[in-house]
Amino acid sequence: MNKKIIATVICLLLIFCFAACGQQTEEKNYETLSGAIEEISKYGNVKITTTKEMMHSGGYEFGDIVTISFADKKIDVPYCATYSDVDAGAAGLFGRYDDETVTVAVNVGDFATIYGIAEKRTLEDNAYEWVYCEGIDENLTFTISMKQKRGYYNQYIIRQLSYSDEREDYPHLTDEEFGNFRVVSTFGMGKNVLYRSATPVDPQKNRNVYVDAAAMEHGITVIIDLNDSEETLASFEGYETSYFAATDHIALNMGLDFTQADFKEKLKKAFEYMIENDGVYLIHCLEGKDRTGFVVALLEFLMGASYDEAEADYMITYYNYYGVKKGEERYDIIAESNFEKNLLRSFGVEEVKNADLKKLAFDYISEIGLTEREIEALKANLAS
């Protein structure tokens, strides 16, 4: 064999060996971390005692794919900053900006229920409690190890969205747009009958005063609060003197998984309240994005709206908070990963854009317990 070829082969073998050794060393540098349950939120998100600092010190970064082991389960998920960094219905490990510890969650889903950790029981006044499943308690250990460094990085980067709670940071928006307040005017919906918004009462996002003022300005008479309980409402500063407090409302304290019994049970109450109280409706959650987005889309489809109409209405929220405009790559990614996948999962279908959306909405609302007569009454109120 030619000496040059032999030398080249030897060099390539050495390079490969050094690279393999380097890779092996790099993998060994990632610590295996563990933590117990710190809290289960009302949405079924499981916060564990592993801190973000422990993740950072162990070599983990947003965009990595990690393996999480707990009980008899093992899942590979991305490590990200916030829930919207993954598709609706997808699980992830999240080091949220304001939290010291990490959370295992399903975006717009209920991790605790889906993965057999605990069951959510509805109490009086729409309060709730978590009851651990058999063989599980608060000492359940979650083990975190590296699966693939930067394996989700490209998807993570393109999804980065952040917004401000300061009014002056949105000079291009009206007060109503800042509060994510708008009328729903898709096909079949009555004129100025249904509105949607961020919370008019919870001050944490600094949008409540603008929404409350808009509700009064537009003559809202019935409010469907998907986010709070009556007890929570009473705790908000200024609540007693708000327009909201003087308006007919129902406080449902709903979770985020549209397929779970607790969500459906409370959604039935929401629609029954709308049937019993004809008027000008406002539906809201905290941001007016996920729960509000799904419930409003359900009503839009029930009234005959097209997929494109409902998607466009949903995506206005992403302009109001994040400045995302139609035509941008991230617009399409968000619409597909959040709006479309939420609908696919909630309706239990494999295709939704060209489906009979009116029937899918009717079937979903029937499945939660409304009769055909009640659904027709709901439609009549929305068309009036």
Protein backbone atom coordinates (compact mmCIF):
# COMPACT_ATOMS: atom_id res chain seq x y z
CA MET A 1 0.00 0.00 0.00
CA ASN A 2 1.24 3.49 -0.82
CA LYS A 3 2.95 5.10 2.20
CA LYS A 4 0.97 8.32 1.67
CA ILE A 5 -2.32 6.46 1.84
CA ILE A 6 -1.21 4.57 4.98
CA ALA A 7 -0.20 7.82 6.66
CA THR A 8 -3.53 9.41 5.74
CA VAL A 9 -5.47 6.46 7.13
CA ILE A 10 -3.47 6.58 10.37
CA CYS A 11 -4.13 10.32 10.74
CA LEU A 12 -7.84 9.84 10.17
CA LEU A 13 -7.95 7.05 12.73
CA LEU A 14 -6.17 9.22 15.27
CA ILE A 15 -8.55 12.14 14.63
CA PHE A 16 -11.53 9.82 15.07
CA CYS A 17 -10.14 8.40 18.30
CA PHE A 18 -9.41 11.85 19.74
CA ALA A 19 -12.89 13.04 18.76
CA ALA A 20 -14.52 9.98 20.33
CA CYS A 21 -12.50 10.42 23.50
CA GLY A 22 -13.37 14.11 23.60
CA GLN A 23 -17.05 13.33 23.13
CA GLN A 24 -16.92 10.69 25.85
CA THR A 25 -15.24 13.14 28.21
CA GLU A 26 -17.82 15.80 27.38
CA GLU A 27 -20.68 13.42 28.14
CA LYS A 28 -19.14 12.48 31.49
CA ASN A 29 -19.12 16.15 32.48
CA TYR A 30 -22.91 16.29 32.68
CA GLU A 31 -24.06 15.55 36.18
CA THR A 32 -27.08 13.39 36.86
CA LEU A 33 -29.41 15.47 39.01
CA SER A 34 -32.42 14.58 41.11
CA GLY A 35 -35.24 16.29 42.96
CA ALA A 36 -38.49 15.59 44.79
CA ILE A 37 -41.92 17.17 44.31
CA GLU A 38 -42.05 20.73 45.59
CA GLU A 39 -45.53 21.60 44.34
CA ILE A 40 -48.22 20.57 41.86
CA SER A 41 -49.89 23.62 40.34
CA LYS A 42 -53.57 23.81 39.51
CA TYR A 43 -52.60 23.09 35.89
CA GLY A 44 -50.87 19.82 36.81
CA ASN A 45 -47.36 21.21 36.37
CA VAL A 46 -44.96 19.47 38.75
CA LYS A 47 -42.34 21.74 40.29
CA ILE A 48 -39.40 19.78 41.68
CA THR A 49 -36.64 20.74 44.10
CA THR A 50 -33.86 20.70 41.50
CA THR A 51 -32.74 24.31 41.04
CA LYS A 52 -31.84 26.11 37.85
CA GLU A 53 -28.43 26.77 39.37
CA MET A 54 -27.91 23.01 39.77
CA MET A 55 -28.85 22.56 36.11
CA HIS A 56 -26.41 25.27 35.03
CA SER A 57 -23.59 23.91 37.20
CA GLY A 58 -24.24 20.43 35.82
CA GLY A 59 -23.69 21.66 32.27
CA TYR A 60 -27.31 21.85 31.16
CA GLU A 61 -28.57 24.68 28.93
CA PHE A 62 -31.86 25.62 27.30
CA GLY A 63 -32.15 23.68 24.06
CA ASP A 64 -30.67 20.44 25.42
CA ILE A 65 -32.70 17.23 25.40
CA VAL A 66 -32.73 15.49 28.77
CA THR A 67 -33.97 12.15 30.07
CA ILE A 68 -36.25 12.36 33.10
CA SER A 69 -36.84 9.18 35.12
CA PHE A 70 -39.54 8.89 37.80
CA ALA A 71 -41.55 6.01 39.24
CA ASP A 72 -41.49 3.40 36.46
CA LYS A 73 -41.33 5.98 33.64
CA LYS A 74 -38.56 7.46 31.51
CA ILE A 75 -39.18 10.32 29.08
CA ASP A 76 -36.91 12.34 26.79
CA VAL A 77 -37.87 16.02 26.74
CA PRO A 78 -36.31 19.38 25.89
CA TYR A 79 -35.04 21.67 28.62
CA CYS A 80 -36.53 25.10 27.94
CA ALA A 81 -37.36 28.45 29.50
CA THR A 82 -41.14 28.48 29.22
CA TYR A 83 -44.06 26.28 28.22
CA SER A 84 -44.55 27.80 24.76
CA ASP A 85 -41.04 26.65 23.82
CA VAL A 86 -42.63 23.26 23.02
CA ASP A 87 -45.70 22.28 21.03
CA ALA A 88 -49.09 22.17 22.69
CA GLY A 89 -49.50 18.74 24.25
CA ALA A 90 -45.73 18.16 24.45
CA ALA A 91 -43.84 17.60 27.69
CA GLY A 92 -40.72 19.46 28.75
CA LEU A 93 -38.48 20.44 31.63
CA PHE A 94 -38.78 24.16 32.24
CA GLY A 95 -36.49 26.58 34.06
CA ARG A 96 -38.95 29.45 34.04
CA TYR A 97 -37.54 32.96 34.39
CA ASP A 98 -39.07 33.83 37.76
CA ASP A 99 -38.60 30.41 39.35
CA GLU A 100 -35.62 29.15 41.32
CA THR A 101 -36.45 25.50 40.69
CA VAL A 102 -37.42 23.59 37.54
CA THR A 103 -40.83 22.31 36.52
CA VAL A 104 -41.87 19.22 34.59
CA ALA A 105 -44.97 20.07 32.57
CA VAL A 106 -47.01 19.56 29.43
CA ASN A 107 -47.66 22.72 27.41
CA VAL A 108 -51.40 23.30 27.64
CA GLY A 109 -51.74 19.97 29.42
CA ASP A 110 -51.83 18.29 32.80
CA PHE A 111 -48.54 16.48 33.46
CA ALA A 112 -49.54 15.11 36.87
CA THR A 113 -52.64 13.40 35.48
CA ILE A 114 -51.19 12.29 32.16
CA TYR A 115 -48.20 10.62 33.80
CA GLY A 116 -50.09 9.04 36.69
CA ILE A 117 -48.65 11.12 39.52
CA ALA A 118 -51.83 12.56 41.01
CA GLU A 119 -55.53 13.06 40.34
CA LYS A 120 -57.23 16.44 40.55
CA ARG A 121 -60.48 16.56 42.50
CA THR A 122 -62.88 19.47 42.26
CA LEU A 123 -64.17 20.78 45.58
CA GLU A 124 -66.88 23.28 46.43
CA ASP A 125 -66.68 26.75 44.87
CA ASN A 126 -64.59 25.24 42.05
CA ALA A 127 -61.58 24.84 44.34
CA TYR A 128 -59.45 21.72 43.90
CA GLU A 129 -57.06 19.31 45.58
CA TRP A 130 -54.44 16.86 44.28
CA VAL A 131 -54.57 13.26 45.48
CA TYR A 132 -51.46 11.17 44.79
CA CYS A 133 -51.93 7.99 42.81
CA GLU A 134 -51.31 4.63 44.43
CA GLY A 135 -47.64 4.13 45.28
CA ILE A 136 -46.81 7.83 44.78
CA ASP A 137 -46.21 10.55 47.38
CA GLU A 138 -44.40 13.90 47.68
CA ASN A 139 -41.08 12.06 48.02
CA LEU A 140 -41.25 10.79 44.44
CA THR A 141 -37.78 11.32 42.95
CA PHE A 142 -37.18 12.76 39.49
CA THR A 143 -33.76 11.99 37.98
CA ILE A 144 -32.42 14.21 35.20
CA SER A 145 -29.63 13.16 32.84
CA MET A 146 -28.31 14.45 29.52
CA LYS A 147 -29.76 12.82 26.42
CA GLN A 148 -28.52 15.10 23.61
CA LYS A 149 -26.60 18.33 23.96
CA ARG A 150 -28.30 21.14 21.95
CA GLY A 151 -30.62 18.53 20.45
CA TYR A 152 -33.57 20.95 20.56
CA TYR A 153 -31.59 24.17 20.21
CA ASN A 154 -32.82 25.27 16.76
CA GLN A 155 -36.47 24.85 17.76
CA TYR A 156 -35.83 26.58 21.06
CA ILE A 157 -34.21 29.64 19.49
CA ILE A 158 -36.98 30.22 16.97
CA ARG A 159 -39.63 30.10 19.69
CA GLN A 160 -38.13 32.68 22.02
CA LEU A 161 -40.83 35.10 23.00
CA SER A 162 -40.92 37.54 25.88
CA TYR A 163 -43.17 40.43 26.73
CA SER A 164 -43.27 43.37 29.09
CA ASP A 165 -45.92 44.26 31.64
CA GLU A 166 -45.15 47.96 31.30
CA ARG A 167 -47.65 50.04 29.32
CA GLU A 168 -44.97 52.43 28.04
CA ASP A 169 -43.22 49.57 26.26
CA TYR A 170 -46.17 49.30 23.85
CA PRO A 171 -46.65 52.79 22.39
CA HIS A 172 -47.95 51.25 19.14
CA LEU A 173 -50.91 49.61 20.91
CA THR A 174 -54.15 51.11 22.17
CA ASP A 175 -55.07 50.53 25.81
CA GLU A 176 -57.49 47.82 24.71
CA GLU A 177 -54.85 46.07 22.60
CA PHE A 178 -52.41 46.21 25.51
CA GLY A 179 -55.06 44.43 27.57
CA ASN A 180 -55.53 41.90 24.73
CA PHE A 181 -59.15 43.03 24.67
CA ARG A 182 -61.10 42.66 21.43
CA VAL A 183 -64.46 41.76 19.96
CA VAL A 184 -64.91 38.38 18.32
CA SER A 185 -66.30 39.03 14.84
CA THR A 186 -65.80 35.79 12.93
CA PHE A 187 -68.47 34.36 10.62
CA GLY A 188 -71.80 33.67 12.32
CA MET A 189 -71.02 35.56 15.51
CA GLY A 190 -73.46 38.31 16.48
CA LYS A 191 -72.23 41.89 16.25
CA ASN A 192 -70.56 43.03 19.49
CA VAL A 193 -71.88 40.00 21.38
CA LEU A 194 -68.67 38.23 22.39
CA TYR A 195 -65.38 39.74 23.57
CA ARG A 196 -62.11 38.21 24.77
CA SER A 197 -59.26 39.59 26.87
CA ALA A 198 -56.58 39.22 29.47
CA THR A 199 -57.70 39.34 33.10
CA PRO A 200 -59.70 42.42 34.17
CA VAL A 201 -58.97 41.77 37.87
CA ASP A 202 -55.58 40.14 38.53
CA PRO A 203 -52.93 42.93 38.72
CA GLN A 204 -49.87 40.72 38.17
CA LYS A 205 -49.70 41.45 34.41
CA ASN A 206 -50.55 45.15 34.85
CA ARG A 207 -53.29 44.90 32.24
CA ASN A 208 -56.34 44.54 34.47
CA VAL A 209 -57.21 48.23 34.76
CA TYR A 210 -57.24 48.62 30.97
CA VAL A 211 -59.40 45.53 30.49
CA ASP A 212 -61.82 46.50 33.26
CA ALA A 213 -62.22 49.95 31.69
CA ALA A 214 -62.77 48.40 28.26
CA ALA A 215 -65.40 46.03 29.67
CA MET A 216 -67.33 49.01 31.02
CA GLU A 217 -66.86 50.99 27.78
CA HIS A 218 -68.27 48.18 25.65
CA GLY A 219 -71.15 47.35 27.97
CA ILE A 220 -70.08 43.86 29.00
CA THR A 221 -72.89 42.27 31.01
CA VAL A 222 -71.68 38.68 31.53
CA ILE A 223 -68.10 37.65 32.33
CA ILE A 224 -66.72 34.13 32.05
CA ASP A 225 -63.58 34.01 34.21
CA LEU A 226 -61.63 30.88 33.30
CA ASN A 227 -58.74 31.71 35.60
CA ASP A 228 -59.88 32.48 39.14
CA SER A 229 -62.00 31.20 42.01
CA GLU A 230 -64.28 33.53 43.97
CA GLU A 231 -61.80 33.37 46.85
CA THR A 232 -58.95 34.46 44.58
CA LEU A 233 -61.03 37.28 43.12
CA ALA A 234 -61.73 38.69 46.58
CA SER A 235 -57.99 38.82 47.31
CA PHE A 236 -57.15 41.20 44.45
CA GLU A 237 -56.50 44.81 45.41
CA GLY A 238 -59.26 47.09 44.12
CA TYR A 239 -61.56 44.21 43.23
CA GLU A 240 -64.55 45.44 45.22
CA THR A 241 -64.68 48.73 43.32
CA SER A 242 -64.03 47.21 39.87
CA TYR A 243 -66.56 47.05 37.04
CA PHE A 244 -65.99 43.29 37.05
CA ALA A 245 -67.25 42.92 40.63
CA ALA A 246 -70.52 44.65 39.77
CA THR A 247 -71.06 42.49 36.67
CA ASP A 248 -72.68 39.04 36.45
CA HIS A 249 -69.83 36.55 36.32
CA ILE A 250 -68.77 32.99 36.97
CA ALA A 251 -65.30 32.16 38.31
CA LEU A 252 -64.16 28.71 37.18
CA ASN A 253 -60.51 28.33 38.24
CA MET A 254 -59.78 26.09 35.23
CA GLY A 255 -56.69 24.12 34.36
CA LEU A 256 -54.95 24.03 31.00
CA ASP A 257 -55.60 20.53 29.68
CA PHE A 258 -58.64 20.68 27.42
CA THR A 259 -58.94 16.89 27.35
CA GLN A 260 -59.23 16.41 31.13
CA ALA A 261 -62.51 15.83 32.97
CA ASP A 262 -61.97 18.76 35.36
CA PHE A 263 -61.62 21.22 32.47
CA LYS A 264 -64.66 19.83 30.67
CA GLU A 265 -66.78 19.85 33.81
CA LYS A 266 -66.03 23.53 34.37
CA LEU A 267 -66.46 24.41 30.70
CA LYS A 268 -69.96 22.90 30.87
CA LYS A 269 -70.69 25.27 33.77
CA ALA A 270 -69.39 28.20 31.69
CA PHE A 271 -71.67 27.42 28.76
CA GLU A 272 -74.66 26.79 31.03
CA TYR A 273 -74.05 30.19 32.59
CA MET A 274 -73.97 31.77 29.13
CA ILE A 275 -77.24 30.05 28.24
CA GLU A 276 -78.91 31.27 31.44
CA ASN A 277 -77.56 34.82 31.08
CA ASP A 278 -78.08 36.35 27.68
CA GLY A 279 -76.02 39.50 27.12
CA VAL A 280 -72.71 40.90 25.99
CA TYR A 281 -70.10 38.33 26.97
CA LEU A 282 -66.45 38.62 27.95
CA ILE A 283 -64.31 35.47 28.18
CA HIS A 284 -60.90 35.76 29.80
CA CYS A 285 -58.16 33.82 31.56
CA LEU A 286 -54.85 35.32 32.74
CA GLU A 287 -53.31 36.44 29.45
CA GLY A 288 -56.30 35.73 27.22
CA LYS A 289 -54.15 33.31 25.23
CA ASP A 290 -54.44 29.56 25.85
CA ARG A 291 -57.67 28.81 27.73
CA THR A 292 -59.44 31.81 26.25
CA GLY A 293 -58.02 30.97 22.83
CA PHE A 294 -59.42 27.45 22.89
CA VAL A 295 -62.83 28.31 24.33
CA VAL A 296 -63.34 31.19 21.90
CA ALA A 297 -62.21 29.04 18.94
CA LEU A 298 -64.70 26.36 20.01
CA LEU A 299 -67.51 28.94 19.96
CA GLU A 300 -66.28 30.42 16.68
CA PHE A 301 -66.36 27.00 15.01
CA LEU A 302 -69.76 26.24 16.52
CA MET A 303 -71.08 29.42 14.87
CA GLY A 304 -69.59 28.50 11.49
CA ALA A 305 -66.19 30.24 11.39
CA SER A 306 -63.45 28.86 9.15
CA TYR A 307 -60.13 27.57 10.40
CA ASP A 308 -58.28 30.57 8.93
CA GLU A 309 -60.63 33.05 10.63
CA ALA A 310 -60.21 31.45 14.05
CA GLU A 311 -56.44 31.13 13.65
CA ALA A 312 -56.12 34.80 12.67
CA ASP A 313 -58.16 35.81 15.73
CA TYR A 314 -56.00 33.62 17.97
CA MET A 315 -52.76 35.05 16.57
CA ILE A 316 -53.74 38.65 17.34
CA THR A 317 -52.75 37.79 20.92
CA TYR A 318 -49.18 37.12 19.76
CA TYR A 319 -49.03 40.52 18.14
CA ASN A 320 -50.44 42.26 21.22
CA TYR A 321 -47.89 40.61 23.54
CA TYR A 322 -44.90 39.80 21.35
CA GLY A 323 -45.21 41.83 18.15
CA VAL A 324 -45.46 38.69 16.00
CA LYS A 325 -46.84 39.53 12.56
CA LYS A 326 -48.29 37.40 9.78
CA GLY A 327 -45.64 36.60 7.21
CA GLU A 328 -42.91 35.97 9.77
CA GLU A 329 -41.53 32.45 10.14
CA ARG A 330 -42.31 32.42 13.84
CA TYR A 331 -45.96 33.31 13.13
CA ASP A 332 -46.44 30.04 11.26
CA ILE A 333 -44.51 28.03 13.85
CA ILE A 334 -46.63 29.40 16.71
CA ALA A 335 -49.89 28.90 14.80
CA GLU A 336 -48.99 25.29 14.04
CA SER A 337 -47.42 24.31 17.36
CA ASN A 338 -50.00 26.03 19.58
CA PHE A 339 -53.31 26.63 17.82
CA GLU A 340 -53.43 23.69 15.42
CA LYS A 341 -51.96 21.09 17.76
CA ASN A 342 -54.26 22.17 20.58
CA LEU A 343 -57.23 21.53 18.33
CA LEU A 344 -55.91 18.19 17.05
CA ARG A 345 -55.39 16.94 20.59
CA SER A 346 -58.63 18.34 21.99
CA PHE A 347 -60.80 17.02 19.17
CA GLY A 348 -58.90 13.73 18.96
CA VAL A 349 -58.38 13.95 15.20
CA GLU A 350 -55.39 13.77 12.87
CA GLU A 351 -56.41 16.62 10.55
CA VAL A 352 -58.26 19.78 11.41
CA LYS A 353 -57.69 22.50 8.78
CA ASN A 354 -60.05 20.90 6.26
CA ALA A 355 -62.32 19.15 8.75
CA ASP A 356 -65.98 19.87 9.48
CA LEU A 357 -65.14 22.24 12.33
CA LYS A 358 -68.75 23.04 13.14
CA LYS A 359 -69.39 19.33 13.76
CA LEU A 360 -66.17 18.88 15.75
CA ALA A 361 -67.14 21.80 18.00
CA PHE A 362 -70.69 20.50 18.36
CA ASP A 363 -69.43 17.01 19.24
CA TYR A 364 -66.95 18.35 21.81
CA ILE A 365 -69.64 20.45 23.51
CA SER A 366 -72.05 17.51 23.43
CA GLU A 367 -69.40 15.28 24.98
CA ILE A 368 -68.96 17.63 27.95
CA GLY A 369 -72.66 17.23 28.72
CA LEU A 370 -74.74 19.86 26.92
CA THR A 371 -77.89 18.67 25.17
CA GLU A 372 -78.70 19.58 21.57
CA ARG A 373 -81.37 21.96 22.86
CA GLU A 374 -78.85 23.69 25.14
CA ILE A 375 -76.34 24.03 22.32
CA GLU A 376 -78.98 25.65 20.14
CA ALA A 377 -79.78 28.06 22.98
CA LEU A 378 -76.10 28.91 23.30
CA LYS A 379 -75.87 29.58 19.58
CA ALA A 380 -78.97 31.77 19.73
CA ASN A 381 -77.43 33.89 22.47
CA LEU A 382 -74.18 34.28 20.53
CA ALA A 383 -76.01 35.21 17.33
CA SER A 384 -78.23 37.83 18.93
